[in-house]
Amino acid sequence: MAHPPAAALVLHDGDRDVLGSWVRSHSVPAGLARRARIVLLAADGVSNTEIAELVGVSRQTVISRR
């Protein structure tokens, strides 16, 4: 069964820069960097299923992290 698309995720000014720096950082905990990547992909309009595949987590994890 197909899932309905998730609601659009809107980032505030500066959020994309901060999240991107977390994704690239070697000192940020891996879980926080993964969550930042999920949020950035969601803000780019990527589906939850595709985000899960790209990040290597379950779809449910993506849904709970958005």
C-alpha atoms as a PDB file:
ATOM      1  CA  MET A   1       0.000   0.000   0.000  1.00  0.00           C
ATOM      2  CA  ALA A   2       1.377   3.446  -0.909  1.00  0.00           C
ATOM      3  CA  HIS A   3       1.799   5.957   1.875  1.00  0.00           C
ATOM      4  CA  PRO A   4       0.540   9.511   1.454  1.00  0.00           C
ATOM      5  CA  PRO A   5       3.278  12.116   1.052  1.00  0.00           C
ATOM      6  CA  ALA A   6       4.549  13.699   4.239  1.00  0.00           C
ATOM      7  CA  ALA A   7       3.788  17.323   4.960  1.00  0.00           C
ATOM      8  CA  ALA A   8       6.364  19.783   3.683  1.00  0.00           C
ATOM      9  CA  LEU A   9       9.114  20.623   6.125  1.00  0.00           C
ATOM     10  CA  VAL A  10      10.088  24.292   6.204  1.00  0.00           C
ATOM     11  CA  LEU A  11      13.399  25.441   7.648  1.00  0.00           C
ATOM     12  CA  HIS A  12      13.908  28.870   9.197  1.00  0.00           C
ATOM     13  CA  ASP A  13      16.668  31.219   8.047  1.00  0.00           C
ATOM     14  CA  GLY A  14      20.066  29.804   8.949  1.00  0.00           C
ATOM     15  CA  ASP A  15      18.798  26.322   9.840  1.00  0.00           C
ATOM     16  CA  ARG A  16      20.073  24.750   6.613  1.00  0.00           C
ATOM     17  CA  ASP A  17      23.585  26.094   7.267  1.00  0.00           C
ATOM     18  CA  VAL A  18      23.645  24.806  10.856  1.00  0.00           C
ATOM     19  CA  LEU A  19      22.272  21.377   9.940  1.00  0.00           C
ATOM     20  CA  GLY A  20      24.699  21.097   7.026  1.00  0.00           C
ATOM     21  CA  SER A  21      27.625  21.872   9.320  1.00  0.00           C
ATOM     22  CA  TRP A  22      26.466  19.144  11.706  1.00  0.00           C
ATOM     23  CA  VAL A  23      26.303  16.624   8.859  1.00  0.00           C
ATOM     24  CA  ARG A  24      29.876  17.475   7.800  1.00  0.00           C
ATOM     25  CA  SER A  25      31.330  17.699  11.316  1.00  0.00           C
ATOM     26  CA  HIS A  26      33.560  15.005  12.755  1.00  0.00           C
ATOM     27  CA  SER A  27      32.897  16.140  16.328  1.00  0.00           C
ATOM     28  CA  VAL A  28      29.080  15.970  16.266  1.00  0.00           C
ATOM     29  CA  PRO A  29      27.655  12.663  17.571  1.00  0.00           C
ATOM     30  CA  ALA A  30      26.687  10.325  14.718  1.00  0.00           C
ATOM     31  CA  GLY A  31      23.036  10.197  15.772  1.00  0.00           C
ATOM     32  CA  LEU A  32      22.724  13.979  15.650  1.00  0.00           C
ATOM     33  CA  ALA A  33      24.423  14.132  12.242  1.00  0.00           C
ATOM     34  CA  ARG A  34      22.062  11.423  10.948  1.00  0.00           C
ATOM     35  CA  ARG A  35      19.025  13.305  12.233  1.00  0.00           C
ATOM     36  CA  ALA A  36      20.306  16.520  10.613  1.00  0.00           C
ATOM     37  CA  ARG A  37      20.661  14.694   7.290  1.00  0.00           C
ATOM     38  CA  ILE A  38      17.104  13.352   7.593  1.00  0.00           C
ATOM     39  CA  VAL A  39      15.761  16.859   8.237  1.00  0.00           C
ATOM     40  CA  LEU A  40      17.714  18.343   5.308  1.00  0.00           C
ATOM     41  CA  LEU A  41      16.461  15.672   2.924  1.00  0.00           C
ATOM     42  CA  ALA A  42      12.893  16.160   4.145  1.00  0.00           C
ATOM     43  CA  ALA A  43      13.215  19.911   3.591  1.00  0.00           C
ATOM     44  CA  ASP A  44      14.337  19.156   0.025  1.00  0.00           C
ATOM     45  CA  GLY A  45      11.081  17.274  -0.547  1.00  0.00           C
ATOM     46  CA  VAL A  46      12.552  13.757  -0.559  1.00  0.00           C
ATOM     47  CA  SER A  47      10.014  11.079   0.410  1.00  0.00           C
ATOM     48  CA  ASN A  48      10.292   9.297   3.757  1.00  0.00           C
ATOM     49  CA  THR A  49      10.904   5.981   1.993  1.00  0.00           C
ATOM     50  CA  GLU A  50      13.727   7.404  -0.095  1.00  0.00           C
ATOM     51  CA  ILE A  51      15.253   9.167   2.924  1.00  0.00           C
ATOM     52  CA  ALA A  52      15.250   5.844   4.788  1.00  0.00           C
ATOM     53  CA  GLU A  53      17.081   4.183   1.902  1.00  0.00           C
ATOM     54  CA  LEU A  54      19.613   7.012   1.535  1.00  0.00           C
ATOM     55  CA  VAL A  55      20.379   7.272   5.259  1.00  0.00           C
ATOM     56  CA  GLY A  56      20.218   3.552   6.002  1.00  0.00           C
ATOM     57  CA  VAL A  57      17.460   3.589   8.585  1.00  0.00           C
ATOM     58  CA  SER A  58      13.872   2.356   8.680  1.00  0.00           C
ATOM     59  CA  ARG A  59      11.015   4.447   7.331  1.00  0.00           C
ATOM     60  CA  GLN A  60       9.585   4.574  10.865  1.00  0.00           C
ATOM     61  CA  THR A  61      12.860   6.080  12.108  1.00  0.00           C
ATOM     62  CA  VAL A  62      12.600   8.794   9.469  1.00  0.00           C
ATOM     63  CA  ILE A  63       9.016   9.537  10.477  1.00  0.00           C
ATOM     64  CA  SER A  64       9.940   9.811  14.161  1.00  0.00           C
ATOM     65  CA  ARG A  65      12.959  12.056  13.457  1.00  0.00           C
ATOM     66  CA  ARG A  66      11.195  14.617  11.224  1.00  0.00           C
END
